[in-house]
Amino acid sequence: MTIRVPMTTAGAAKLRAELHELKTVMRPRITAAIAEARAHGDLKENAEYHAAREQQSFSEGRIADIENKLANAQIIDVTALPRSDKVVFGATVWLSDEETEEESRYQIVGEDEADIKEGKISFGSPIARALIGKTVGDVAEVQAPGGIKSYEIINVQYI
């Protein structure tokens, strides 16, 4: 039995684009580099050949990894979810730090999509686990390295 891993439609599209790039651009480029290096003669001492083969190995590994992730993904279209004030996977949540009153915004996404610079946090992160299931007006308590942080949920959108 395979475990289905949640992923947003945007995350799946990004992986598909990377897969397409690897298969249609990188794979032919690496194949050409290997052929060119082979033409140079002795393969035992041919640094270009070994570098191209190493690059090929990395690229083929990444292709297999992406194909596996997409095959096991449960792709969720956030925009098609029923609208509510409840925090669920894919929701974008506006928070207010109860101590500093500093506001922040996060979207809860799959593990492979998480990018804190873009405000995307993994559903498995401590803050996402504290938020999921809560609604606007609720306070989520998160165990942070510096102690417990409390955040009030200001707004929830499915965008």
C-alpha atoms as a PDB file:
ATOM      1  CA  MET A   1       0.000   0.000   0.000  1.00  0.00           C
ATOM      2  CA  THR A   2       1.409   3.362  -1.026  1.00  0.00           C
ATOM      3  CA  ILE A   3       1.013   6.389   1.166  1.00  0.00           C
ATOM      4  CA  ARG A   4      -0.487   9.307  -0.751  1.00  0.00           C
ATOM      5  CA  VAL A   5       1.363  12.552  -0.035  1.00  0.00           C
ATOM      6  CA  PRO A   6      -0.651  15.785  -0.301  1.00  0.00           C
ATOM      7  CA  MET A   7       0.519  18.339  -2.845  1.00  0.00           C
ATOM      8  CA  THR A   8      -1.102  21.486  -4.219  1.00  0.00           C
ATOM      9  CA  THR A   9      -1.828  21.800  -7.936  1.00  0.00           C
ATOM     10  CA  ALA A  10       0.817  24.547  -8.130  1.00  0.00           C
ATOM     11  CA  GLY A  11       3.399  22.260  -6.525  1.00  0.00           C
ATOM     12  CA  ALA A  12       2.569  19.435  -8.936  1.00  0.00           C
ATOM     13  CA  ALA A  13       2.818  21.827 -11.900  1.00  0.00           C
ATOM     14  CA  LYS A  14       6.246  22.995 -10.723  1.00  0.00           C
ATOM     15  CA  LEU A  15       7.472  19.382 -10.467  1.00  0.00           C
ATOM     16  CA  ARG A  16       6.038  18.544 -13.912  1.00  0.00           C
ATOM     17  CA  ALA A  17       7.866  21.553 -15.398  1.00  0.00           C
ATOM     18  CA  GLU A  18      11.150  20.447 -13.810  1.00  0.00           C
ATOM     19  CA  LEU A  19      10.581  16.896 -15.088  1.00  0.00           C
ATOM     20  CA  HIS A  20       9.902  18.205 -18.598  1.00  0.00           C
ATOM     21  CA  GLU A  21      13.092  20.307 -18.482  1.00  0.00           C
ATOM     22  CA  LEU A  22      15.162  17.331 -17.319  1.00  0.00           C
ATOM     23  CA  LYS A  23      13.801  14.994 -19.997  1.00  0.00           C
ATOM     24  CA  THR A  24      13.729  17.352 -22.981  1.00  0.00           C
ATOM     25  CA  VAL A  25      16.705  19.655 -22.332  1.00  0.00           C
ATOM     26  CA  MET A  26      19.124  18.154 -19.820  1.00  0.00           C
ATOM     27  CA  ARG A  27      18.989  14.502 -20.917  1.00  0.00           C
ATOM     28  CA  PRO A  28      19.859  15.262 -24.594  1.00  0.00           C
ATOM     29  CA  ARG A  29      22.542  17.758 -23.502  1.00  0.00           C
ATOM     30  CA  ILE A  30      24.182  15.167 -21.223  1.00  0.00           C
ATOM     31  CA  THR A  31      23.951  12.455 -23.887  1.00  0.00           C
ATOM     32  CA  ALA A  32      25.707  14.776 -26.346  1.00  0.00           C
ATOM     33  CA  ALA A  33      28.406  15.581 -23.764  1.00  0.00           C
ATOM     34  CA  ILE A  34      29.041  11.863 -23.181  1.00  0.00           C
ATOM     35  CA  ALA A  35      29.272  11.227 -26.933  1.00  0.00           C
ATOM     36  CA  GLU A  36      31.705  14.113 -27.354  1.00  0.00           C
ATOM     37  CA  ALA A  37      33.846  12.917 -24.431  1.00  0.00           C
ATOM     38  CA  ARG A  38      33.902   9.373 -25.872  1.00  0.00           C
ATOM     39  CA  ALA A  39      35.222  10.776 -29.120  1.00  0.00           C
ATOM     40  CA  HIS A  40      38.262  12.091 -27.245  1.00  0.00           C
ATOM     41  CA  GLY A  41      39.572   8.562 -26.762  1.00  0.00           C
ATOM     42  CA  ASP A  42      40.695   6.721 -23.607  1.00  0.00           C
ATOM     43  CA  LEU A  43      37.752   6.746 -21.181  1.00  0.00           C
ATOM     44  CA  LYS A  44      39.777   5.730 -18.090  1.00  0.00           C
ATOM     45  CA  GLU A  45      41.549   9.067 -17.881  1.00  0.00           C
ATOM     46  CA  ASN A  46      38.876  11.208 -19.519  1.00  0.00           C
ATOM     47  CA  ALA A  47      37.672  13.750 -16.928  1.00  0.00           C
ATOM     48  CA  GLU A  48      34.959  15.149 -19.233  1.00  0.00           C
ATOM     49  CA  TYR A  49      33.500  11.667 -19.719  1.00  0.00           C
ATOM     50  CA  HIS A  50      33.429  10.935 -15.988  1.00  0.00           C
ATOM     51  CA  ALA A  51      31.904  14.347 -15.211  1.00  0.00           C
ATOM     52  CA  ALA A  52      29.201  13.844 -17.870  1.00  0.00           C
ATOM     53  CA  ARG A  53      28.421  10.345 -16.549  1.00  0.00           C
ATOM     54  CA  GLU A  54      28.158  11.720 -13.009  1.00  0.00           C
ATOM     55  CA  GLN A  55      25.817  14.456 -14.227  1.00  0.00           C
ATOM     56  CA  GLN A  56      23.773  11.835 -16.078  1.00  0.00           C
ATOM     57  CA  SER A  57      23.493   9.739 -12.922  1.00  0.00           C
ATOM     58  CA  PHE A  58      22.321  12.744 -10.894  1.00  0.00           C
ATOM     59  CA  SER A  59      19.819  13.799 -13.577  1.00  0.00           C
ATOM     60  CA  GLU A  60      18.343  10.302 -14.000  1.00  0.00           C
ATOM     61  CA  GLY A  61      18.049  10.004 -10.207  1.00  0.00           C
ATOM     62  CA  ARG A  62      16.173  13.316 -10.044  1.00  0.00           C
ATOM     63  CA  ILE A  63      13.858  12.209 -12.896  1.00  0.00           C
ATOM     64  CA  ALA A  64      13.039   8.982 -11.012  1.00  0.00           C
ATOM     65  CA  ASP A  65      12.512  10.947  -7.776  1.00  0.00           C
ATOM     66  CA  ILE A  66      10.088  13.419  -9.398  1.00  0.00           C
ATOM     67  CA  GLU A  67       8.180  10.660 -11.209  1.00  0.00           C
ATOM     68  CA  ASN A  68       7.821   8.782  -7.903  1.00  0.00           C
ATOM     69  CA  LYS A  69       6.632  11.906  -6.059  1.00  0.00           C
ATOM     70  CA  LEU A  70       4.034  12.673  -8.733  1.00  0.00           C
ATOM     71  CA  ALA A  71       2.854   9.042  -8.829  1.00  0.00           C
ATOM     72  CA  ASN A  72       2.324   9.043  -5.052  1.00  0.00           C
ATOM     73  CA  ALA A  73       0.887  12.552  -4.786  1.00  0.00           C
ATOM     74  CA  GLN A  74      -2.645  13.345  -3.752  1.00  0.00           C
ATOM     75  CA  ILE A  75      -3.012  16.566  -5.726  1.00  0.00           C
ATOM     76  CA  ILE A  76      -5.362  19.007  -4.049  1.00  0.00           C
ATOM     77  CA  ASP A  77      -6.853  21.978  -5.890  1.00  0.00           C
ATOM     78  CA  VAL A  78      -7.079  24.521  -3.094  1.00  0.00           C
ATOM     79  CA  THR A  79      -9.388  26.790  -5.102  1.00  0.00           C
ATOM     80  CA  ALA A  80     -11.973  23.971  -5.392  1.00  0.00           C
ATOM     81  CA  LEU A  81     -12.218  23.406  -1.629  1.00  0.00           C
ATOM     82  CA  PRO A  82     -15.444  24.548   0.055  1.00  0.00           C
ATOM     83  CA  ARG A  83     -14.955  28.013   1.552  1.00  0.00           C
ATOM     84  CA  SER A  84     -14.790  28.259   5.319  1.00  0.00           C
ATOM     85  CA  ASP A  85     -12.814  29.910   8.112  1.00  0.00           C
ATOM     86  CA  LYS A  86     -11.109  26.587   8.894  1.00  0.00           C
ATOM     87  CA  VAL A  87      -7.389  26.027   8.346  1.00  0.00           C
ATOM     88  CA  VAL A  88      -6.805  22.998   6.105  1.00  0.00           C
ATOM     89  CA  PHE A  89      -4.048  21.774   3.791  1.00  0.00           C
ATOM     90  CA  GLY A  90      -3.480  24.341   1.039  1.00  0.00           C
ATOM     91  CA  ALA A  91      -5.075  27.230   2.918  1.00  0.00           C
ATOM     92  CA  THR A  92      -3.341  30.593   3.153  1.00  0.00           C
ATOM     93  CA  VAL A  93      -3.417  31.826   6.753  1.00  0.00           C
ATOM     94  CA  TRP A  94      -2.816  35.320   8.125  1.00  0.00           C
ATOM     95  CA  LEU A  95      -1.527  35.316  11.689  1.00  0.00           C
ATOM     96  CA  SER A  96      -0.849  37.864  14.403  1.00  0.00           C
ATOM     97  CA  ASP A  97       1.857  37.134  16.961  1.00  0.00           C
ATOM     98  CA  GLU A  98       0.083  37.634  20.304  1.00  0.00           C
ATOM     99  CA  GLU A  99       3.254  38.983  21.942  1.00  0.00           C
ATOM    100  CA  THR A 100       4.649  41.336  19.262  1.00  0.00           C
ATOM    101  CA  GLU A 101       1.451  41.892  17.213  1.00  0.00           C
ATOM    102  CA  GLU A 102       3.595  41.256  14.131  1.00  0.00           C
ATOM    103  CA  GLU A 103       1.539  39.840  11.261  1.00  0.00           C
ATOM    104  CA  SER A 104       2.605  37.051   8.925  1.00  0.00           C
ATOM    105  CA  ARG A 105       1.111  34.990   6.120  1.00  0.00           C
ATOM    106  CA  TYR A 106       1.702  31.318   5.351  1.00  0.00           C
ATOM    107  CA  GLN A 107       0.312  28.805   2.905  1.00  0.00           C
ATOM    108  CA  ILE A 108       0.256  25.213   4.139  1.00  0.00           C
ATOM    109  CA  VAL A 109       1.713  23.018   1.395  1.00  0.00           C
ATOM    110  CA  GLY A 110       3.323  19.630   0.764  1.00  0.00           C
ATOM    111  CA  GLU A 111       6.833  18.850   1.958  1.00  0.00           C
ATOM    112  CA  ASP A 112       8.418  19.311  -1.482  1.00  0.00           C
ATOM    113  CA  GLU A 113       6.748  22.686  -1.977  1.00  0.00           C
ATOM    114  CA  ALA A 114       7.777  24.267   1.320  1.00  0.00           C
ATOM    115  CA  ASP A 115       9.776  27.494   0.922  1.00  0.00           C
ATOM    116  CA  ILE A 116       9.769  29.848   3.895  1.00  0.00           C
ATOM    117  CA  LYS A 117      10.969  32.757   1.712  1.00  0.00           C
ATOM    118  CA  GLU A 118       7.741  32.412  -0.299  1.00  0.00           C
ATOM    119  CA  GLY A 119       5.644  31.973   2.857  1.00  0.00           C
ATOM    120  CA  LYS A 120       4.996  28.288   2.122  1.00  0.00           C
ATOM    121  CA  ILE A 121       5.291  25.918   5.061  1.00  0.00           C
ATOM    122  CA  SER A 122       5.075  22.134   5.096  1.00  0.00           C
ATOM    123  CA  PHE A 123       1.929  20.588   6.561  1.00  0.00           C
ATOM    124  CA  GLY A 124       4.261  18.611   8.838  1.00  0.00           C
ATOM    125  CA  SER A 125       5.949  21.688  10.344  1.00  0.00           C
ATOM    126  CA  PRO A 126       5.179  22.561  13.976  1.00  0.00           C
ATOM    127  CA  ILE A 127       3.357  25.781  13.051  1.00  0.00           C
ATOM    128  CA  ALA A 128       1.208  24.079  10.383  1.00  0.00           C
ATOM    129  CA  ARG A 129       0.312  21.226  12.744  1.00  0.00           C
ATOM    130  CA  ALA A 130      -0.749  23.807  15.350  1.00  0.00           C
ATOM    131  CA  LEU A 131      -2.896  25.679  12.794  1.00  0.00           C
ATOM    132  CA  ILE A 132      -4.692  22.845  10.963  1.00  0.00           C
ATOM    133  CA  GLY A 133      -8.258  22.448  12.211  1.00  0.00           C
ATOM    134  CA  LYS A 134      -8.412  25.884  13.834  1.00  0.00           C
ATOM    135  CA  THR A 135     -10.648  28.708  12.586  1.00  0.00           C
ATOM    136  CA  VAL A 136     -10.469  32.505  12.318  1.00  0.00           C
ATOM    137  CA  GLY A 137     -10.253  34.019  15.810  1.00  0.00           C
ATOM    138  CA  ASP A 138      -8.654  30.915  17.356  1.00  0.00           C
ATOM    139  CA  VAL A 139      -5.230  31.085  18.959  1.00  0.00           C
ATOM    140  CA  ALA A 140      -2.641  28.489  17.966  1.00  0.00           C
ATOM    141  CA  GLU A 141       0.207  27.715  20.324  1.00  0.00           C
ATOM    142  CA  VAL A 142       3.453  26.620  18.693  1.00  0.00           C
ATOM    143  CA  GLN A 143       6.415  25.075  20.460  1.00  0.00           C
ATOM    144  CA  ALA A 144       9.321  27.186  19.183  1.00  0.00           C
ATOM    145  CA  PRO A 145      13.016  26.907  20.117  1.00  0.00           C
ATOM    146  CA  GLY A 146      12.604  29.965  22.369  1.00  0.00           C
ATOM    147  CA  GLY A 147       9.463  28.632  24.067  1.00  0.00           C
ATOM    148  CA  ILE A 148       5.761  28.607  23.250  1.00  0.00           C
ATOM    149  CA  LYS A 149       4.605  31.225  20.724  1.00  0.00           C
ATOM    150  CA  SER A 150       0.917  32.139  20.410  1.00  0.00           C
ATOM    151  CA  TYR A 151      -0.618  33.243  17.114  1.00  0.00           C
ATOM    152  CA  GLU A 152      -4.138  34.492  16.511  1.00  0.00           C
ATOM    153  CA  ILE A 153      -5.641  33.444  13.186  1.00  0.00           C
ATOM    154  CA  ILE A 154      -6.792  36.636  11.475  1.00  0.00           C
ATOM    155  CA  ASN A 155      -7.881  35.317   8.095  1.00  0.00           C
ATOM    156  CA  VAL A 156      -8.035  32.083   6.076  1.00  0.00           C
ATOM    157  CA  GLN A 157      -8.282  31.965   2.299  1.00  0.00           C
ATOM    158  CA  TYR A 158      -8.233  29.194  -0.286  1.00  0.00           C
ATOM    159  CA  ILE A 159      -6.228  30.821  -3.079  1.00  0.00           C
END
